[in-house]
Structures are given as structure tokens and as C-alpha cells.
N, C-alpha and C. Protein backbone atom coordinates (compact mmCIF):
# COMPACT_ATOMS: atom_id res chain seq x y z
N MET A 1 0.93 -0.92 0.19
CA MET A 1 0.32 -0.12 -0.03
C MET A 1 0.82 1.12 0.35
N ASP A 2 0.45 2.06 -0.82
CA ASP A 2 1.08 3.82 -0.92
C ASP A 2 0.10 4.69 -0.28
N ILE A 3 0.23 5.43 0.46
CA ILE A 3 -0.47 6.65 0.23
C ILE A 3 -0.69 7.11 -0.51
N LYS A 4 0.51 7.89 -1.12
CA LYS A 4 0.59 8.69 -2.50
C LYS A 4 -0.50 7.86 -3.56
N LYS A 5 -0.29 6.73 -3.86
CA LYS A 5 -1.39 6.27 -4.58
C LYS A 5 -2.76 6.06 -4.51
N ASN A 6 -2.86 5.72 -3.42
CA ASN A 6 -3.95 5.65 -2.64
C ASN A 6 -5.05 7.22 -3.24
N ILE A 7 -4.55 8.08 -2.15
CA ILE A 7 -5.01 9.82 -2.47
C ILE A 7 -4.55 10.13 -4.28
N GLU A 8 -4.09 9.56 -5.36
CA GLU A 8 -4.15 10.20 -6.24
C GLU A 8 -4.99 9.13 -7.23
N TYR A 9 -5.32 8.11 -7.06
CA TYR A 9 -6.11 7.06 -7.28
C TYR A 9 -8.02 7.85 -7.12
N ASP A 10 -7.96 8.23 -5.89
CA ASP A 10 -9.32 8.87 -5.27
C ASP A 10 -9.30 10.39 -5.74
N HIS A 11 -8.34 11.43 -6.12
CA HIS A 11 -8.07 12.69 -6.40
C HIS A 11 -8.91 12.16 -8.17
N GLU A 12 -8.29 10.98 -8.77
CA GLU A 12 -8.53 11.09 -10.53
C GLU A 12 -9.98 10.67 -10.47
N LYS A 13 -10.56 9.79 -9.23
CA LYS A 13 -11.72 9.72 -9.33
C LYS A 13 -12.83 10.78 -9.18
N ILE A 14 -12.12 11.57 -8.17
CA ILE A 14 -12.94 13.02 -8.30
C ILE A 14 -12.85 13.67 -9.26
N ARG A 15 -11.57 14.14 -9.84
CA ARG A 15 -11.96 14.66 -11.09
C ARG A 15 -12.74 14.40 -12.20
N LYS A 16 -12.75 12.79 -12.36
CA LYS A 16 -13.73 12.64 -13.62
C LYS A 16 -15.23 12.71 -12.74
N TYR A 17 -15.85 12.92 -11.76
CA TYR A 17 -16.98 12.91 -11.60
C TYR A 17 -17.05 14.35 -12.06
N ILE A 18 -16.17 14.94 -11.49
CA ILE A 18 -16.46 16.73 -12.25
C ILE A 18 -16.32 17.42 -13.80
N HIS A 19 -15.17 16.45 -14.46
CA HIS A 19 -15.52 16.42 -15.74
C HIS A 19 -16.81 16.11 -16.08
N ASP A 20 -17.41 15.04 -15.58
CA ASP A 20 -18.81 14.49 -15.91
C ASP A 20 -19.85 15.40 -15.81
N LEU A 21 -19.67 16.01 -14.83
CA LEU A 21 -20.85 17.09 -14.66
C LEU A 21 -20.69 18.60 -15.39
N ASP A 22 -19.63 18.66 -15.26
CA ASP A 22 -19.15 19.89 -16.52
C ASP A 22 -19.61 19.44 -17.82
N ALA A 23 -19.14 18.43 -18.14
CA ALA A 23 -19.55 17.77 -19.65
C ALA A 23 -21.25 18.00 -20.04
N MET A 24 -22.02 18.08 -18.98
CA MET A 24 -23.61 18.06 -19.02
C MET A 24 -24.01 19.30 -19.58
N GLY A 25 -25.11 19.22 -20.39
CA GLY A 25 -25.58 20.40 -20.61
C GLY A 25 -26.74 20.88 -19.67
N ARG A 26 -27.11 22.05 -19.66
CA ARG A 26 -28.01 22.21 -18.48
C ARG A 26 -29.44 22.21 -18.03
N SER A 27 -29.90 21.37 -19.11
CA SER A 27 -30.90 20.58 -18.80
C SER A 27 -31.11 19.28 -18.40
N ASP A 28 -29.85 18.67 -18.29
CA ASP A 28 -29.90 17.61 -17.52
C ASP A 28 -29.98 17.46 -16.11
N THR A 29 -30.88 18.02 -15.70
CA THR A 29 -31.25 18.10 -14.11
C THR A 29 -31.46 16.85 -13.17
N ALA A 30 -31.89 16.13 -13.95
CA ALA A 30 -32.16 14.54 -13.48
C ALA A 30 -30.96 14.17 -13.47
N LEU A 31 -29.98 13.81 -14.49
CA LEU A 31 -28.93 13.33 -13.96
C LEU A 31 -27.84 14.09 -13.61
N ARG A 32 -27.73 14.71 -13.22
CA ARG A 32 -26.63 15.70 -12.50
C ARG A 32 -26.91 15.55 -11.01
N LYS A 33 -28.32 15.47 -10.34
CA LYS A 33 -28.55 15.74 -9.28
C LYS A 33 -27.94 14.60 -8.80
N PRO A 34 -28.12 13.08 -9.12
CA PRO A 34 -27.14 11.77 -8.62
C PRO A 34 -25.89 11.82 -8.50
N LEU A 35 -25.27 12.10 -9.71
CA LEU A 35 -23.58 12.40 -10.07
C LEU A 35 -23.16 13.48 -9.12
N PHE A 36 -23.78 14.68 -8.59
CA PHE A 36 -23.04 15.56 -7.84
C PHE A 36 -23.41 15.08 -6.54
N GLU A 37 -24.50 14.06 -5.90
CA GLU A 37 -24.27 13.79 -4.80
C GLU A 37 -22.98 12.63 -4.41
N MET A 38 -23.05 12.01 -5.80
CA MET A 38 -21.96 11.23 -5.36
C MET A 38 -20.37 12.21 -5.28
N LEU A 39 -20.20 12.65 -6.22
CA LEU A 39 -19.34 13.80 -5.79
C LEU A 39 -19.12 14.36 -4.53
N ARG A 40 -20.36 14.96 -4.19
CA ARG A 40 -20.38 15.34 -2.79
C ARG A 40 -19.69 14.68 -1.74
N LYS A 41 -20.37 13.42 -2.10
CA LYS A 41 -19.91 12.55 -0.64
C LYS A 41 -18.27 11.76 -0.68
N GLU A 42 -18.28 11.46 -1.91
CA GLU A 42 -16.62 11.10 -2.43
C GLU A 42 -15.36 12.17 -1.92
N LEU A 43 -15.88 13.61 -2.39
CA LEU A 43 -15.11 14.88 -1.76
C LEU A 43 -15.20 14.57 0.02
N LEU A 44 -16.50 14.70 0.57
CA LEU A 44 -16.50 14.56 2.09
C LEU A 44 -15.84 13.56 2.48
N ILE A 45 -15.80 12.60 2.17
CA ILE A 45 -15.44 11.18 2.80
C ILE A 45 -13.62 11.45 2.35
N VAL A 46 -13.20 11.53 1.48
CA VAL A 46 -11.84 11.50 0.82
C VAL A 46 -11.04 12.60 2.18
N GLN A 47 -11.70 14.27 1.83
CA GLN A 47 -10.93 15.17 2.78
C GLN A 47 -11.38 14.54 4.52
N LYS A 48 -12.43 13.94 4.71
CA LYS A 48 -12.28 13.69 5.95
C LYS A 48 -11.27 12.82 6.22
N ALA A 49 -10.97 11.56 5.44
CA ALA A 49 -10.07 10.57 5.72
C ALA A 49 -8.15 11.16 5.48
N GLU A 50 -8.52 12.09 4.73
CA GLU A 50 -6.84 12.81 4.53
C GLU A 50 -6.78 13.50 5.86
N GLU A 51 -7.85 14.26 6.21
CA GLU A 51 -7.35 15.02 7.60
C GLU A 51 -7.63 14.28 9.08
N GLU A 52 -7.99 12.92 8.93
CA GLU A 52 -7.85 11.90 10.22
C GLU A 52 -6.71 11.58 10.20
N THR A 53 -6.18 11.05 8.79
CA THR A 53 -4.86 10.42 9.05
C THR A 53 -3.68 11.07 8.76
N LEU A 54 -3.77 11.16 7.51
CA LEU A 54 -2.71 11.65 6.40
C LEU A 54 -2.07 13.46 7.95
N TYR A 55 -3.19 14.70 7.29
CA TYR A 55 -3.14 15.82 7.91
C TYR A 55 -2.45 15.38 9.69
N GLN A 56 -3.28 14.61 10.46
CA GLN A 56 -2.83 14.59 11.67
C GLN A 56 -1.47 13.74 11.97
N GLU A 57 -1.32 12.66 11.62
CA GLU A 57 -0.41 12.16 11.46
C GLU A 57 1.26 13.18 11.26
N LEU A 58 1.01 14.49 9.69
CA LEU A 58 1.80 15.07 9.93
C LEU A 58 2.40 16.13 10.73
N GLU A 59 0.91 16.75 11.61
CA GLU A 59 0.83 17.64 12.39
C GLU A 59 1.99 16.56 13.67
N ARG A 60 1.22 15.92 14.40
CA ARG A 60 1.73 15.40 15.05
C ARG A 60 3.42 15.12 15.07
N ARG A 61 3.51 14.99 13.98
CA ARG A 61 5.05 15.28 13.82
C ARG A 61 5.93 16.06 13.62
N ASN A 62 5.09 17.50 13.62
CA ASN A 62 5.49 18.82 13.26
C ASN A 62 6.51 19.01 11.94
N GLU A 63 5.63 18.25 10.96
CA GLU A 63 5.91 17.84 9.46
C GLU A 63 4.92 18.95 8.36
N ALA A 64 5.15 19.85 7.88
CA ALA A 64 4.76 20.56 6.69
C ALA A 64 3.07 21.24 7.46
N ASN A 65 3.17 21.87 8.74
CA ASN A 65 2.42 22.45 9.29
C ASN A 65 2.00 23.28 8.81
N SER A 66 2.52 24.77 8.26
CA SER A 66 1.86 25.46 7.50
C SER A 66 0.85 25.13 6.33
N LEU A 67 1.49 23.97 5.37
CA LEU A 67 1.15 23.61 4.14
C LEU A 67 -0.77 22.45 4.83
N VAL A 68 -0.35 22.14 5.93
CA VAL A 68 -1.50 21.31 6.24
C VAL A 68 -2.86 21.95 6.89
N HIS A 69 -1.76 23.20 6.97
CA HIS A 69 -2.81 24.54 7.79
C HIS A 69 -3.68 25.06 6.46
N THR A 70 -2.62 25.48 5.61
CA THR A 70 -3.70 26.02 4.06
C THR A 70 -4.51 25.07 3.64
N LEU A 71 -3.90 23.68 3.49
CA LEU A 71 -4.49 22.78 2.93
C LEU A 71 -6.31 22.21 3.79
N GLU A 72 -5.69 22.54 4.96
CA GLU A 72 -7.29 22.48 5.98
C GLU A 72 -8.67 23.41 5.86
N ASP A 73 -7.75 24.78 5.57
CA ASP A 73 -8.28 26.04 5.12
C ASP A 73 -8.99 25.74 3.54
N GLU A 74 -8.08 25.11 2.48
CA GLU A 74 -9.33 25.01 1.48
C GLU A 74 -10.17 23.96 1.91
N SER A 75 -9.35 23.19 2.36
CA SER A 75 -10.91 22.15 2.41
C SER A 75 -12.34 22.69 3.12
N ASP A 76 -12.21 23.56 4.12
CA ASP A 76 -13.16 24.43 4.57
C ASP A 76 -14.27 24.93 3.65
N THR A 77 -13.29 25.73 2.51
CA THR A 77 -14.01 25.99 1.29
C THR A 77 -14.62 25.41 0.32
N ILE A 78 -13.80 24.48 0.53
CA ILE A 78 -14.90 22.95 -0.92
C ILE A 78 -16.12 23.03 -0.24
N LYS A 79 -15.93 22.53 1.43
CA LYS A 79 -17.55 22.04 2.40
C LYS A 79 -18.21 22.89 1.74
N SER A 80 -17.84 24.91 2.30
CA SER A 80 -18.43 25.56 1.73
C SER A 80 -19.10 25.44 0.41
N LEU A 81 -18.68 25.34 -0.46
CA LEU A 81 -19.31 25.56 -2.10
C LEU A 81 -19.87 24.57 -1.99
N LEU A 82 -19.87 23.19 -1.56
CA LEU A 82 -20.46 21.72 -1.75
C LEU A 82 -22.00 22.40 -1.15
N LYS A 83 -21.92 22.83 0.31
CA LYS A 83 -23.17 22.95 0.89
C LYS A 83 -23.85 24.28 0.23
N SER A 84 -23.10 25.40 -0.64
CA SER A 84 -24.17 26.33 -1.38
C SER A 84 -24.87 25.71 -2.65
N LEU A 85 -23.72 24.55 -3.31
CA LEU A 85 -24.29 23.59 -4.09
C LEU A 85 -25.64 22.89 -4.09
N GLU A 86 -25.35 22.32 -2.75
CA GLU A 86 -26.80 21.99 -2.73
C GLU A 86 -28.00 22.43 -2.64
N LYS A 87 -27.74 23.67 -1.87
CA LYS A 87 -29.24 24.70 -1.74
C LYS A 87 -29.43 25.38 -3.31
N CYS A 88 -28.87 25.23 -4.15
CA CYS A 88 -29.13 25.61 -5.52
C CYS A 88 -29.98 24.71 -6.49
N GLU A 89 -30.88 25.46 -7.42
CA GLU A 89 -30.91 24.34 -8.08
C GLU A 89 -30.30 23.72 -9.03
N PRO A 90 -29.83 22.61 -9.61
CA PRO A 90 -28.83 22.19 -10.82
C PRO A 90 -28.90 23.19 -12.22
N ASN A 91 -30.28 23.40 -12.04
CA ASN A 91 -30.01 24.22 -13.75
C ASN A 91 -30.32 25.61 -13.61
N SER A 92 -29.70 26.19 -12.28
CA SER A 92 -29.68 27.41 -12.09
C SER A 92 -27.92 28.05 -12.52
N GLU A 93 -27.57 29.52 -12.65
CA GLU A 93 -26.71 30.44 -12.99
C GLU A 93 -26.15 30.10 -11.55
N ASP A 94 -26.69 30.31 -10.53
CA ASP A 94 -25.51 30.27 -9.41
C ASP A 94 -25.07 28.92 -9.09
N TRP A 95 -25.93 27.62 -9.23
CA TRP A 95 -25.43 26.68 -9.48
C TRP A 95 -24.36 26.29 -9.83
N HIS A 96 -24.45 26.85 -11.30
CA HIS A 96 -23.21 26.65 -12.49
C HIS A 96 -21.61 27.66 -12.30
N SER A 97 -22.21 28.74 -11.41
CA SER A 97 -21.16 29.53 -11.24
C SER A 97 -20.62 28.99 -9.88
N ASP A 98 -21.43 28.60 -8.87
CA ASP A 98 -20.33 27.93 -8.01
C ASP A 98 -19.84 26.14 -8.46
N PHE A 99 -20.44 25.69 -9.52
CA PHE A 99 -19.61 24.91 -9.36
C PHE A 99 -18.41 25.25 -10.11
N LYS A 100 -18.24 26.18 -10.73
CA LYS A 100 -16.84 26.70 -11.62
C LYS A 100 -15.95 26.73 -10.52
N LYS A 101 -16.26 27.68 -9.88
CA LYS A 101 -15.39 27.59 -8.28
C LYS A 101 -14.98 26.45 -7.73
N LEU A 102 -16.13 25.82 -7.14
CA LEU A 102 -15.77 24.41 -7.02
C LEU A 102 -14.30 23.88 -7.73
N LYS A 103 -14.96 23.19 -9.03
CA LYS A 103 -13.60 23.12 -9.69
C LYS A 103 -12.61 23.58 -9.73
N ARG A 104 -12.55 24.24 -9.94
CA ARG A 104 -10.94 25.25 -9.52
C ARG A 104 -10.52 25.26 -8.01
N LYS A 105 -11.08 25.25 -7.43
CA LYS A 105 -10.83 24.96 -5.56
C LYS A 105 -10.22 23.83 -5.64
N VAL A 106 -11.12 22.57 -6.08
CA VAL A 106 -10.80 21.55 -6.09
C VAL A 106 -9.28 21.13 -6.60
N PHE A 107 -9.47 21.43 -8.00
CA PHE A 107 -8.06 21.14 -8.83
C PHE A 107 -6.95 21.81 -8.14
N GLN A 108 -6.87 22.90 -7.61
CA GLN A 108 -5.79 23.40 -6.81
C GLN A 108 -5.26 22.59 -5.51
N HIS A 109 -6.80 22.76 -5.08
CA HIS A 109 -6.18 21.56 -3.94
C HIS A 109 -6.06 20.21 -3.75
N PHE A 110 -6.02 19.70 -5.17
CA PHE A 110 -5.34 18.37 -5.25
C PHE A 110 -4.07 18.68 -5.86
N ASP A 111 -3.65 19.79 -6.88
CA ASP A 111 -2.46 19.90 -7.20
C ASP A 111 -1.65 20.30 -5.79
N LYS A 112 -2.06 20.57 -5.12
CA LYS A 112 -1.07 21.41 -3.90
C LYS A 112 -0.65 20.26 -3.45
N GLU A 113 -1.99 19.09 -2.51
CA GLU A 113 -1.75 18.04 -2.04
C GLU A 113 -0.58 16.88 -2.95
N GLU A 114 -1.05 16.65 -4.20
CA GLU A 114 0.14 15.92 -4.71
C GLU A 114 1.34 16.10 -5.18
N ARG A 115 1.38 17.75 -5.26
CA ARG A 115 2.93 18.39 -5.17
C ARG A 115 3.99 18.66 -4.30
N LYS A 116 3.04 18.80 -3.41
CA LYS A 116 4.11 19.45 -2.25
C LYS A 116 3.71 18.27 -0.97
N LEU A 117 2.63 17.68 -0.53
CA LEU A 117 2.35 17.20 0.47
C LEU A 117 2.57 15.91 0.33
N LEU A 118 2.24 15.36 -0.82
CA LEU A 118 2.56 13.86 -0.94
C LEU A 118 4.04 13.51 -0.66
N PRO A 119 5.00 14.31 -1.52
CA PRO A 119 6.47 14.19 -1.54
C PRO A 119 6.91 13.82 0.46
N LYS A 120 6.31 15.18 0.90
CA LYS A 120 6.86 15.63 1.87
C LYS A 120 6.67 14.01 3.11
N ALA A 121 5.09 13.81 2.74
CA ALA A 121 4.54 12.57 3.47
C ALA A 121 5.17 11.45 3.32
N GLN A 122 5.76 11.33 2.42
CA GLN A 122 6.26 9.57 1.34
C GLN A 122 7.73 9.61 2.43
N ARG A 123 8.25 10.78 2.14
CA ARG A 123 9.64 10.92 3.23
C ARG A 123 9.09 10.58 5.40
N ALA A 124 8.35 11.47 5.26
CA ALA A 124 8.66 11.91 6.89
C ALA A 124 7.27 10.65 7.62
N LEU A 125 6.70 9.61 6.98
CA LEU A 125 5.64 8.89 7.52
C LEU A 125 6.07 7.64 6.73
N PRO A 126 5.70 6.55 7.75
CA PRO A 126 5.59 4.83 7.58
C PRO A 126 4.50 4.92 6.38
N ALA A 127 4.61 5.14 4.88
CA ALA A 127 3.62 4.89 4.14
C ALA A 127 2.68 3.77 3.97
N GLU A 128 3.09 2.80 4.57
CA GLU A 128 2.21 1.49 4.68
C GLU A 128 0.84 1.99 5.73
N GLU A 129 1.64 1.92 6.66
CA GLU A 129 0.93 2.51 7.84
C GLU A 129 0.06 3.42 7.31
N VAL A 130 0.18 4.38 7.11
CA VAL A 130 -0.48 5.68 6.75
C VAL A 130 -1.98 5.42 5.77
N ALA A 131 -1.24 4.73 4.65
CA ALA A 131 -1.98 3.72 3.50
C ALA A 131 -3.17 3.55 4.30
N GLU A 132 -3.07 2.31 4.77
CA GLU A 132 -4.01 1.30 5.87
C GLU A 132 -4.91 2.25 6.54
N GLU A 133 -4.42 3.27 7.48
CA GLU A 133 -5.18 4.02 8.20
C GLU A 133 -6.32 4.72 7.34
N PHE A 134 -5.36 5.33 6.24
CA PHE A 134 -6.69 6.40 5.10
C PHE A 134 -7.76 5.73 4.56
N ASP A 135 -7.37 3.91 4.03
CA ASP A 135 -8.24 3.34 3.90
C ASP A 135 -9.52 2.67 4.99
N ASN A 136 -8.86 2.58 5.82
CA ASN A 136 -10.28 2.39 7.04
C ASN A 136 -10.71 3.20 7.18
N GLU A 137 -9.88 4.47 7.35
CA GLU A 137 -10.89 5.59 7.80
C GLU A 137 -11.99 5.39 6.87
N LYS A 138 -11.63 5.74 5.24
CA LYS A 138 -12.68 5.89 4.15
C LYS A 138 -13.91 4.84 4.56
N ARG A 139 -13.22 3.61 4.79
CA ARG A 139 -14.42 2.40 4.53
C ARG A 139 -15.63 2.62 5.71
N ALA A 140 -14.85 3.15 6.80
CA ALA A 140 -15.81 3.59 7.89
C ALA A 140 -17.04 4.57 8.01
N LEU A 141 -16.30 5.34 7.44
CA LEU A 141 -17.28 6.71 6.37
C LEU A 141 -17.75 6.22 5.39
N TRP A 142 -17.52 5.51 4.54
CA TRP A 142 -18.78 4.91 3.43
C TRP A 142 -19.89 4.05 4.08
N LYS A 143 -19.17 3.18 5.24
CA LYS A 143 -20.38 2.34 5.75
C LYS A 143 -21.64 3.31 6.37
N THR A 144 -21.11 4.65 6.87
CA THR A 144 -22.19 5.51 7.79
C THR A 144 -23.02 6.36 6.75
N SER A 145 -22.60 5.94 5.40
CA SER A 145 -23.57 6.63 4.37
C SER A 145 -24.68 6.59 3.80
N THR A 146 -25.45 7.20 3.92
CA THR A 146 -26.61 6.12 3.37
C THR A 146 -26.75 5.97 1.86
N LEU A 147 -25.87 6.24 1.21
CA LEU A 147 -25.56 6.66 -0.29
C LEU A 147 -24.72 5.09 -0.81
N VAL A 148 -24.12 4.14 0.17
CA VAL A 148 -23.74 3.58 -0.58
C VAL A 148 -24.12 2.41 -1.77
N GLU A 149 -25.43 2.57 -0.80
CA GLU A 149 -26.12 1.33 -2.63
C GLU A 149 -26.15 2.28 -3.74
N LYS A 150 -25.96 3.75 -3.65
CA LYS A 150 -26.37 3.99 -5.17
C LYS A 150 -24.39 4.38 -5.74
N VAL A 151 -23.58 3.73 -5.23
CA VAL A 151 -22.42 4.06 -5.63
C VAL A 151 -22.18 3.85 -6.89
N SER A 152 -22.80 2.00 -7.37
CA SER A 152 -22.37 1.75 -8.33
C SER A 152 -23.41 2.21 -9.34
N ALA A 153 -24.90 2.35 -9.12
CA ALA A 153 -25.33 2.95 -10.18
C ALA A 153 -25.14 4.53 -11.01
N VAL A 154 -24.24 5.27 -10.05
CA VAL A 154 -23.58 6.49 -10.28
C VAL A 154 -22.50 6.68 -11.07
N GLU A 155 -21.66 5.03 -10.57
CA GLU A 155 -20.28 5.02 -11.51
C GLU A 155 -20.81 4.52 -12.70
N HIS A 156 -21.93 3.82 -13.11
CA HIS A 156 -21.84 3.10 -14.21
C HIS A 156 -22.29 4.08 -15.01
N PHE A 157 -23.49 5.04 -14.72
CA PHE A 157 -23.87 6.57 -14.86
C PHE A 157 -22.63 7.26 -15.67
N SER A 158 -21.84 7.10 -14.82
CA SER A 158 -20.76 8.17 -14.97
C SER A 158 -19.33 7.47 -16.10
N ARG A 159 -19.45 6.43 -16.34
CA ARG A 159 -18.91 5.69 -17.09
C ARG A 159 -19.56 6.06 -18.39
N THR A 160 -20.81 5.55 -18.26
CA THR A 160 -21.63 6.24 -19.57
C THR A 160 -21.30 7.44 -20.28
N VAL A 161 -21.22 8.36 -19.56
CA VAL A 161 -21.36 9.99 -20.16
C VAL A 161 -19.77 10.15 -20.30
N ARG A 162 -19.09 9.47 -19.69
CA ARG A 162 -17.52 9.49 -20.46
C ARG A 162 -17.33 8.96 -21.67
N ALA A 163 -18.52 7.34 -21.79
CA ALA A 163 -18.39 7.16 -23.21
C ALA A 163 -18.78 7.65 -24.49
N ALA A 164 -19.81 8.48 -24.20
CA ALA A 164 -20.73 8.99 -25.13
C ALA A 164 -19.89 10.23 -25.74
């Protein structure tokens, strides 16, 4: 197991959801809602797992504290944008405007994690141990989710959109 590969895999999955949502026309409201919900849940779970494992462990060891705090602030902004999007109608101008902000913030956040944080984590942390903790945290968070049964349907839909 490798924490860098685990997180990069999750980031890529989230990027695909964002690209799929971005590619939808404004009239695809019925399709946008479940895909957005999957994106929202995936983002929240990955962020929480990162915070509870990777970020905490780096802070405990006094590694990259400034970067970790910056990433935590960015995570809060992402959560705020997700809440704002939840409240908007998926075909509204506000939804599309907030979605563009979310996309930009998420991609910047992932870039910072992948280029700056993960290399530091690989040098400073026991990679397999942290990767296992990260996976366990994600599994526990998914188990508490009421959307687990929707995952395969939404992932199938996402693959269909990408193939079109």
C-alpha cells in the first residue's frame, strides 16, 4: 500500500466526476443531481479521511504544519461550496457559477496535495501504515453513508457519460 497512490487514485475519481458534471448540458437536471451527490459524498469522505490520517500524522510529527493548515482552510472552502451547491437548483446560474468555483478550488487543492504534501508525507511517514489507516477511515465513513447502495449506479452512469 502506498498513501500517495491511494490519494492520487481518489483524486482522479473525483476529477472524473467533476468533468462528467461539467460536460452535462444545463437541461440534464435529473442526471446532474445523483452525480453531484456522488461527487459531494466522495469529496467529503476523502477530505475527512485525509484530515484524520495524513494531516493529523504530519501535524503530530511537526512536518509541513503550514501547508497542512493551508490545505485544511482549502478543505473548509470546498465544504462551503458543496453546501452552497446543495441549496441551489442544478440548472440555475448560481449552481453553475458555484460549480466553476468548486472545480477550480478542488483542482488547485489536489495539485497542492500531490505536488507538495504527498512527497513530504512519503519521506516523513510510514507509508504503508498511513495508507492502511486512510483506507480504514474511508471504509468506516462509507459504512455510515446512506448512499452506499447508489455508488455502483452512479459510477455506471459516470462511465456511460465519459464513453459518449
